[in-house]
Protein backbone atom coordinates (compact mmCIF):
# COMPACT_ATOMS: atom_id res chain seq x y z
CA UNK A 1 0.00 0.01 -0.01
CA UNK A 2 3.01 2.29 0.31
CA UNK A 3 3.02 2.86 -3.44
CA UNK A 4 -0.48 4.35 -3.23
CA UNK A 5 0.73 7.13 -0.96
CA UNK A 6 2.63 8.79 -3.85
CA UNK A 7 0.58 11.60 -5.44
CA UNK A 8 1.93 10.98 -8.95
CA UNK A 9 0.87 7.34 -8.67
CA UNK A 10 -2.66 8.41 -7.67
CA UNK A 11 -2.84 10.78 -10.64
CA UNK A 12 -1.70 8.05 -13.05
CA UNK A 13 -4.21 5.51 -11.71
CA UNK A 14 -7.07 8.07 -11.86
CA UNK A 15 -6.15 9.11 -15.40
CA UNK A 16 -5.65 5.61 -16.77
CA UNK A 17 -9.25 4.44 -16.38
CA UNK A 18 -9.12 3.92 -20.16
CA UNK A 19 -5.98 2.84 -22.01
CA UNK A 20 -3.56 5.73 -22.50
CA UNK A 21 -0.02 6.20 -23.76
CA UNK A 22 2.76 7.47 -21.51
CA UNK A 23 2.64 10.78 -23.36
CA UNK A 24 -1.10 11.13 -22.72
CA UNK A 25 -0.63 10.29 -19.04
CA UNK A 26 2.14 12.85 -18.81
CA UNK A 27 -0.10 15.58 -20.21
CA UNK A 28 -3.18 14.55 -18.20
CA UNK A 29 -1.29 14.27 -14.90
CA UNK A 30 1.09 17.24 -15.45
CA UNK A 31 3.99 14.92 -14.61
CA UNK A 32 7.24 14.52 -16.52
CA UNK A 33 7.53 11.66 -18.97
CA UNK A 34 10.49 10.27 -16.97
CA UNK A 35 8.33 10.11 -13.84
CA UNK A 36 5.51 8.47 -15.81
CA UNK A 37 7.82 5.71 -17.07
CA UNK A 38 9.29 5.13 -13.57
CA UNK A 39 5.85 4.98 -11.93
CA UNK A 40 4.39 2.82 -14.72
CA UNK A 41 7.16 0.29 -14.10
CA UNK A 42 6.48 0.31 -10.35
CA UNK A 43 2.71 0.00 -10.89
CA UNK A 44 2.97 -2.79 -13.44
CA UNK A 45 5.39 -4.70 -11.15
CA UNK A 46 2.78 -4.48 -8.40
CA UNK A 47 0.01 -5.56 -10.78
CA UNK A 48 -1.87 -2.25 -10.37
CA UNK A 49 -1.59 -1.31 -14.05
CA UNK A 50 -2.27 -3.28 -17.21
CA UNK A 51 0.26 -2.80 -20.01
CA UNK A 52 -0.67 -3.50 -23.64
CA UNK A 53 1.50 -2.99 -26.65
CA UNK A 54 2.04 -3.49 -30.30
CA UNK A 55 4.72 -2.97 -32.95
CA UNK A 56 3.80 -1.25 -36.21
CA UNK A 57 5.20 -2.14 -39.65
CA UNK A 58 8.10 0.27 -39.25
CA UNK A 59 9.12 -1.45 -35.98
CA UNK A 60 7.94 1.34 -33.66
CA UNK A 61 6.57 0.14 -30.31
CA UNK A 62 3.27 1.51 -29.00
CA UNK A 63 2.27 0.88 -25.41
CA UNK A 64 -0.88 1.77 -23.51
CA UNK A 65 -1.52 1.65 -19.78
CA UNK A 66 -4.79 1.06 -17.94
CA UNK A 67 -5.39 1.03 -14.19
CA UNK A 68 -7.02 -1.86 -12.38
CA UNK A 69 -9.80 -1.31 -9.84
CA UNK A 70 -9.29 -4.57 -7.97
CA UNK A 71 -6.07 -6.27 -7.11
CA UNK A 72 -5.62 -9.94 -6.22
CA UNK A 73 -4.37 -10.37 -2.70
CA UNK A 74 -2.65 -13.49 -1.29
CA UNK A 75 -4.40 -12.99 2.04
CA UNK A 76 -7.83 -14.35 2.99
CA UNK A 77 -9.76 -11.50 1.38
CA UNK A 78 -8.64 -12.56 -2.18
CA UNK A 79 -9.22 -9.11 -3.79
CA UNK A 80 -8.77 -5.51 -2.66
CA UNK A 81 -10.67 -2.57 -4.14
CA UNK A 82 -8.07 0.18 -4.55
CA UNK A 83 -10.50 2.93 -5.65
CA UNK A 84 -10.86 4.43 -2.15
CA UNK A 85 -7.07 4.89 -2.01
CA UNK A 86 -6.87 6.89 -5.22
CA UNK A 87 -9.99 9.09 -4.89
CA UNK A 88 -9.49 12.84 -5.01
CA UNK A 89 -9.32 14.55 -1.65
CA UNK A 90 -11.95 17.21 -1.21
């Protein structure tokens, strides 16, 4: 849960409710592209973000990122709803 305490992570997870590129996330979240890639790696390692990709005919790679609402947990509860952790503070 420590990863969810980072504000840039919360912005990314809120913004990525539909598949978006790193560039789109950077613009939506007003976060540098370097930070987006670092956080995307952390989030995908923790299974909080789905990563999809393709390679076009010229060999260029295109990746999109989409947040998950529920995360599998190895404890007795089996899944955790992360939406309360990333909601905007009022």
